[in-house]
């Protein structure tokens, strides 16, 4: 029975991996944020007075959930701002992108800005 479960799980992952990821453009609408979570400013980054933005590449599934978050342009990999931005982005939800009226997964960029007050 364990072997059957492992095969079913592997097949499930294979179908997700094989799914085409679209880019927003002429026939693919942009996803719309429903829930945005602000990244936490780490105490260490505040002490170092680090300001700026982390650019993230994310995939938004057809259900509007974020997956596969990667740092495209780092601000701070030492004091935790990049990590904080990734964690926050994973909490976002979207109204999905549409292609021909059907929800589709898309790759988009998210900019997380850190500004000291």
N, C-alpha and C. Protein backbone atom coordinates (compact mmCIF):
# COMPACT_ATOMS: atom_id res chain seq x y z
N UNK A 1 0.82 -1.20 0.00
CA UNK A 1 0.00 0.00 0.00
C UNK A 1 0.86 1.26 0.00
N UNK A 2 2.01 1.22 0.71
CA UNK A 2 2.90 2.38 0.74
C UNK A 2 3.39 2.72 -0.67
N UNK A 3 3.67 1.69 -1.46
CA UNK A 3 4.17 1.92 -2.81
C UNK A 3 3.13 2.64 -3.66
N UNK A 4 1.88 2.23 -3.56
CA UNK A 4 0.81 2.88 -4.31
C UNK A 4 0.68 4.34 -3.92
N UNK A 5 0.73 4.64 -2.62
CA UNK A 5 0.64 6.02 -2.15
C UNK A 5 1.79 6.85 -2.68
N UNK A 6 3.00 6.28 -2.68
CA UNK A 6 4.17 7.00 -3.17
C UNK A 6 4.03 7.29 -4.66
N UNK A 7 3.51 6.34 -5.42
CA UNK A 7 3.32 6.54 -6.86
C UNK A 7 2.28 7.63 -7.10
N UNK A 8 1.19 7.61 -6.35
CA UNK A 8 0.15 8.64 -6.51
C UNK A 8 0.68 10.02 -6.17
N UNK A 9 1.47 10.14 -5.12
CA UNK A 9 2.06 11.42 -4.74
C UNK A 9 3.02 11.89 -5.83
N UNK A 10 3.86 11.00 -6.32
CA UNK A 10 4.81 11.35 -7.38
C UNK A 10 4.07 11.79 -8.63
N UNK A 11 3.00 11.10 -8.99
CA UNK A 11 2.22 11.47 -10.17
C UNK A 11 1.58 12.84 -9.98
N UNK A 12 1.12 13.12 -8.78
CA UNK A 12 0.52 14.42 -8.48
C UNK A 12 1.54 15.53 -8.65
N UNK A 13 2.75 15.34 -8.11
CA UNK A 13 3.80 16.35 -8.26
C UNK A 13 4.20 16.52 -9.71
N UNK A 14 4.24 15.44 -10.46
CA UNK A 14 4.63 15.51 -11.87
C UNK A 14 3.61 16.34 -12.66
N UNK A 15 2.32 16.19 -12.36
CA UNK A 15 1.32 16.95 -13.10
C UNK A 15 1.40 18.44 -12.78
N UNK A 16 1.73 18.78 -11.53
CA UNK A 16 1.91 20.19 -11.15
C UNK A 16 3.14 20.75 -11.84
N UNK A 17 4.23 19.99 -11.84
CA UNK A 17 5.48 20.46 -12.45
C UNK A 17 5.31 20.65 -13.95
N UNK A 18 4.48 19.81 -14.59
CA UNK A 18 4.31 19.88 -16.03
C UNK A 18 3.36 21.00 -16.45
N UNK A 19 2.66 21.59 -15.51
CA UNK A 19 1.69 22.63 -15.80
C UNK A 19 2.40 23.86 -16.37
N UNK A 20 1.84 24.42 -17.44
CA UNK A 20 2.45 25.60 -18.06
C UNK A 20 2.27 26.83 -17.17
N UNK A 21 3.34 27.59 -17.03
CA UNK A 21 3.32 28.85 -16.28
C UNK A 21 3.31 29.98 -17.30
N UNK A 22 2.35 30.87 -17.19
CA UNK A 22 2.18 31.96 -18.15
C UNK A 22 2.83 33.24 -17.65
N UNK A 23 3.00 34.17 -18.55
CA UNK A 23 3.44 35.53 -18.22
C UNK A 23 2.27 36.45 -18.55
N UNK A 24 2.12 37.51 -17.77
CA UNK A 24 1.07 38.49 -18.02
C UNK A 24 1.37 39.17 -19.35
N UNK A 25 0.35 39.28 -20.18
CA UNK A 25 0.55 39.90 -21.49
C UNK A 25 -0.77 40.05 -22.21
N UNK A 26 -0.68 40.10 -23.50
CA UNK A 26 -1.81 40.39 -24.37
C UNK A 26 -3.03 39.51 -24.09
N UNK A 27 -2.84 38.21 -23.93
CA UNK A 27 -4.00 37.33 -23.72
C UNK A 27 -4.08 36.74 -22.30
N UNK A 28 -3.21 37.22 -21.40
CA UNK A 28 -3.22 36.77 -20.01
C UNK A 28 -3.33 38.00 -19.10
N UNK A 29 -4.42 38.05 -18.32
CA UNK A 29 -4.63 39.19 -17.43
C UNK A 29 -3.73 39.08 -16.21
N UNK A 30 -3.46 40.20 -15.59
CA UNK A 30 -2.64 40.23 -14.37
C UNK A 30 -3.46 39.75 -13.18
N UNK A 31 -2.82 39.01 -12.28
CA UNK A 31 -3.52 38.67 -11.03
C UNK A 31 -3.70 39.93 -10.19
N UNK A 32 -4.72 39.93 -9.35
CA UNK A 32 -5.01 41.11 -8.53
C UNK A 32 -4.84 40.72 -7.06
N UNK A 33 -3.99 41.46 -6.32
CA UNK A 33 -3.80 41.13 -4.90
C UNK A 33 -5.09 41.27 -4.11
N UNK A 34 -5.39 40.26 -3.30
CA UNK A 34 -6.53 40.28 -2.39
C UNK A 34 -6.02 40.53 -0.97
N UNK A 35 -4.95 39.85 -0.63
CA UNK A 35 -4.35 39.98 0.71
C UNK A 35 -2.85 40.21 0.54
N UNK A 36 -2.37 41.34 1.07
CA UNK A 36 -0.94 41.65 1.04
C UNK A 36 -0.43 41.70 2.47
N UNK A 37 0.70 41.05 2.68
CA UNK A 37 1.33 41.05 4.00
C UNK A 37 2.63 41.84 3.89
N UNK A 38 2.79 42.81 4.77
CA UNK A 38 4.00 43.64 4.78
C UNK A 38 5.14 42.84 5.43
N UNK A 39 6.31 42.92 4.84
CA UNK A 39 7.49 42.24 5.38
C UNK A 39 7.93 42.90 6.67
N UNK A 40 8.35 42.09 7.62
CA UNK A 40 8.86 42.60 8.90
C UNK A 40 10.26 43.17 8.71
N UNK A 41 10.49 44.31 9.33
CA UNK A 41 11.82 44.93 9.35
C UNK A 41 12.58 44.31 10.51
N UNK A 42 13.67 43.62 10.26
CA UNK A 42 14.41 43.01 11.36
C UNK A 42 15.13 44.08 12.18
N UNK A 43 15.30 43.80 13.46
CA UNK A 43 15.99 44.73 14.35
C UNK A 43 17.41 44.99 13.87
N UNK A 44 18.04 43.92 13.38
CA UNK A 44 19.43 44.04 12.91
C UNK A 44 19.52 44.97 11.69
N UNK A 45 18.56 44.85 10.77
CA UNK A 45 18.55 45.71 9.58
C UNK A 45 18.26 47.15 9.95
N UNK A 46 17.38 47.34 10.94
CA UNK A 46 17.10 48.71 11.41
C UNK A 46 18.36 49.32 12.01
N UNK A 47 19.07 48.53 12.83
CA UNK A 47 20.30 49.02 13.47
C UNK A 47 21.34 49.40 12.43
N UNK A 48 21.36 48.68 11.30
CA UNK A 48 22.31 48.98 10.22
C UNK A 48 21.78 50.08 9.28
N UNK A 49 20.53 50.52 9.52
CA UNK A 49 19.86 51.56 8.74
C UNK A 49 19.75 51.20 7.26
N UNK A 50 19.42 49.96 7.00
CA UNK A 50 19.28 49.46 5.63
C UNK A 50 17.89 49.84 5.11
N UNK A 51 17.87 50.49 3.96
CA UNK A 51 16.62 50.85 3.29
C UNK A 51 16.72 50.45 1.83
N UNK A 52 15.57 50.21 1.23
CA UNK A 52 15.55 49.86 -0.19
C UNK A 52 14.46 48.84 -0.47
N UNK A 53 14.66 48.05 -1.52
CA UNK A 53 13.64 47.10 -1.94
C UNK A 53 14.25 45.75 -2.30
N UNK A 54 13.46 44.73 -2.04
CA UNK A 54 13.78 43.37 -2.48
C UNK A 54 12.83 43.07 -3.63
N UNK A 55 13.36 42.62 -4.74
CA UNK A 55 12.54 42.21 -5.87
C UNK A 55 12.42 40.70 -5.85
N UNK A 56 11.19 40.23 -5.88
CA UNK A 56 10.92 38.80 -5.82
C UNK A 56 10.27 38.33 -7.12
N UNK A 57 10.62 37.14 -7.55
CA UNK A 57 9.90 36.45 -8.62
C UNK A 57 9.03 35.41 -7.95
N UNK A 58 7.74 35.39 -8.29
CA UNK A 58 6.82 34.44 -7.68
C UNK A 58 5.95 33.81 -8.75
N UNK A 59 5.46 32.64 -8.44
CA UNK A 59 4.44 32.02 -9.27
C UNK A 59 3.15 32.06 -8.47
N UNK A 60 2.11 32.53 -9.12
CA UNK A 60 0.79 32.56 -8.51
C UNK A 60 -0.03 31.48 -9.19
N UNK A 61 -0.45 30.51 -8.41
CA UNK A 61 -1.24 29.39 -8.93
C UNK A 61 -2.59 29.84 -9.43
N UNK A 62 -3.27 28.96 -10.13
CA UNK A 62 -4.61 29.24 -10.63
C UNK A 62 -5.62 29.43 -9.51
N UNK A 63 -5.27 29.00 -8.29
CA UNK A 63 -6.16 29.22 -7.14
C UNK A 63 -5.83 30.52 -6.40
N UNK A 64 -4.85 31.29 -6.89
CA UNK A 64 -4.50 32.58 -6.31
C UNK A 64 -3.47 32.52 -5.20
N UNK A 65 -2.96 31.33 -4.90
CA UNK A 65 -1.94 31.19 -3.86
C UNK A 65 -0.55 31.33 -4.45
N UNK A 66 0.36 31.87 -3.64
CA UNK A 66 1.74 32.12 -4.07
C UNK A 66 2.58 30.88 -3.81
N UNK A 67 3.45 30.57 -4.77
CA UNK A 67 4.44 29.50 -4.59
C UNK A 67 5.72 29.88 -5.30
N UNK A 68 6.75 29.12 -5.07
CA UNK A 68 8.04 29.30 -5.76
C UNK A 68 8.53 30.74 -5.70
N UNK A 69 8.73 31.24 -4.50
CA UNK A 69 9.22 32.61 -4.31
C UNK A 69 10.75 32.60 -4.33
N UNK A 70 11.34 33.42 -5.20
CA UNK A 70 12.79 33.55 -5.25
C UNK A 70 13.18 35.02 -5.25
N UNK A 71 14.35 35.31 -4.73
CA UNK A 71 14.86 36.68 -4.70
C UNK A 71 15.51 36.97 -6.05
N UNK A 72 14.94 37.92 -6.80
CA UNK A 72 15.49 38.32 -8.09
C UNK A 72 16.55 39.40 -7.91
N UNK A 73 16.31 40.32 -6.93
CA UNK A 73 17.27 41.37 -6.63
C UNK A 73 17.30 41.54 -5.12
N UNK A 74 18.43 41.22 -4.55
CA UNK A 74 18.61 41.24 -3.10
C UNK A 74 18.82 42.66 -2.58
N UNK A 75 18.33 42.89 -1.38
CA UNK A 75 18.63 44.11 -0.64
C UNK A 75 19.58 43.79 0.50
N UNK A 76 19.29 42.67 1.18
CA UNK A 76 20.05 42.33 2.38
C UNK A 76 19.91 40.85 2.70
N UNK A 77 20.95 40.10 2.42
CA UNK A 77 20.93 38.67 2.74
C UNK A 77 21.59 38.39 4.09
N UNK A 78 22.17 39.41 4.71
CA UNK A 78 22.90 39.24 5.97
C UNK A 78 22.00 39.49 7.19
N UNK A 79 21.21 40.57 7.17
CA UNK A 79 20.44 40.98 8.34
C UNK A 79 18.96 40.60 8.25
N UNK A 80 18.59 39.78 7.28
CA UNK A 80 17.27 39.17 7.26
C UNK A 80 16.18 39.80 6.43
N UNK A 81 16.46 40.88 5.70
CA UNK A 81 15.38 41.53 4.95
C UNK A 81 14.93 40.70 3.75
N UNK A 82 15.87 40.07 3.04
CA UNK A 82 15.48 39.21 1.92
C UNK A 82 14.58 38.07 2.43
N UNK A 83 15.00 37.44 3.50
CA UNK A 83 14.24 36.34 4.08
C UNK A 83 12.86 36.80 4.54
N UNK A 84 12.79 37.96 5.14
CA UNK A 84 11.52 38.53 5.60
C UNK A 84 10.58 38.80 4.42
N UNK A 85 11.15 39.31 3.33
CA UNK A 85 10.35 39.60 2.13
C UNK A 85 9.77 38.32 1.54
N UNK A 86 10.58 37.27 1.48
CA UNK A 86 10.12 35.98 0.96
C UNK A 86 8.99 35.44 1.83
N UNK A 87 9.16 35.48 3.13
CA UNK A 87 8.14 34.97 4.06
C UNK A 87 6.82 35.74 3.90
N UNK A 88 6.90 37.05 3.76
CA UNK A 88 5.70 37.87 3.61
C UNK A 88 4.99 37.56 2.29
N UNK A 89 5.75 37.43 1.21
CA UNK A 89 5.16 37.15 -0.11
C UNK A 89 4.40 35.83 -0.11
N UNK A 90 4.88 34.87 0.62
CA UNK A 90 4.21 33.56 0.69
C UNK A 90 2.84 33.65 1.34
N UNK A 91 2.57 34.74 2.05
CA UNK A 91 1.29 34.94 2.73
C UNK A 91 0.27 35.70 1.86
N UNK A 92 0.71 36.24 0.73
CA UNK A 92 -0.19 36.97 -0.14
C UNK A 92 -1.17 36.02 -0.81
N UNK A 93 -2.35 36.54 -1.17
CA UNK A 93 -3.29 35.81 -2.01
C UNK A 93 -3.78 36.75 -3.11
N UNK A 94 -4.20 36.17 -4.20
CA UNK A 94 -4.57 36.93 -5.39
C UNK A 94 -5.87 36.42 -6.00
N UNK A 95 -6.55 37.32 -6.69
CA UNK A 95 -7.56 36.92 -7.65
C UNK A 95 -6.71 36.45 -8.84
N UNK A 96 -6.88 35.20 -9.28
CA UNK A 96 -5.94 34.64 -10.27
C UNK A 96 -5.93 35.37 -11.62
N UNK A 97 -4.84 35.15 -12.32
CA UNK A 97 -4.72 35.62 -13.70
C UNK A 97 -5.67 34.79 -14.57
N UNK A 98 -6.13 35.38 -15.66
CA UNK A 98 -7.05 34.68 -16.56
C UNK A 98 -6.49 34.63 -17.97
N UNK A 99 -6.70 33.50 -18.60
CA UNK A 99 -6.40 33.33 -20.03
C UNK A 99 -7.64 32.69 -20.65
N UNK A 100 -8.24 33.36 -21.60
CA UNK A 100 -9.48 32.89 -22.23
C UNK A 100 -10.56 32.61 -21.19
N UNK A 101 -10.63 33.46 -20.15
CA UNK A 101 -11.65 33.33 -19.12
C UNK A 101 -11.39 32.24 -18.09
N UNK A 102 -10.25 31.57 -18.19
CA UNK A 102 -9.92 30.47 -17.26
C UNK A 102 -8.72 30.87 -16.40
N UNK A 103 -8.80 30.58 -15.10
CA UNK A 103 -7.69 30.89 -14.19
C UNK A 103 -6.47 30.05 -14.57
N UNK A 104 -5.31 30.73 -14.62
CA UNK A 104 -4.05 30.07 -14.98
C UNK A 104 -2.93 30.51 -14.05
N UNK A 105 -1.91 29.67 -13.89
CA UNK A 105 -0.74 30.08 -13.10
C UNK A 105 0.12 31.06 -13.89
N UNK A 106 0.65 32.06 -13.20
CA UNK A 106 1.51 33.05 -13.84
C UNK A 106 2.74 33.34 -12.99
N UNK A 107 3.79 33.80 -13.67
CA UNK A 107 4.98 34.27 -12.97
C UNK A 107 4.95 35.80 -13.01
N UNK A 108 5.12 36.40 -11.84
CA UNK A 108 5.13 37.87 -11.74
C UNK A 108 6.23 38.29 -10.77
N UNK A 109 6.48 39.57 -10.73
CA UNK A 109 7.41 40.14 -9.78
C UNK A 109 6.67 40.87 -8.67
N UNK A 110 7.22 40.81 -7.48
CA UNK A 110 6.69 41.56 -6.34
C UNK A 110 7.85 42.37 -5.77
N UNK A 111 7.60 43.62 -5.50
CA UNK A 111 8.61 44.51 -4.91
C UNK A 111 8.23 44.76 -3.45
N UNK A 112 9.12 44.38 -2.54
CA UNK A 112 8.93 44.63 -1.10
C UNK A 112 9.87 45.77 -0.71
N UNK A 113 9.31 46.88 -0.23
CA UNK A 113 10.09 48.05 0.10
C UNK A 113 10.27 48.18 1.60
N UNK A 114 11.48 48.53 2.00
CA UNK A 114 11.82 48.74 3.40
C UNK A 114 12.27 50.19 3.56
N UNK A 115 11.54 50.96 4.39
CA UNK A 115 11.84 52.36 4.61
C UNK A 115 11.83 52.64 6.10
N UNK A 116 12.91 53.23 6.60
CA UNK A 116 12.97 53.62 8.01
C UNK A 116 12.15 54.88 8.21
N UNK A 117 11.48 55.00 9.34
CA UNK A 117 10.66 56.18 9.61
C UNK A 117 11.35 57.07 10.59
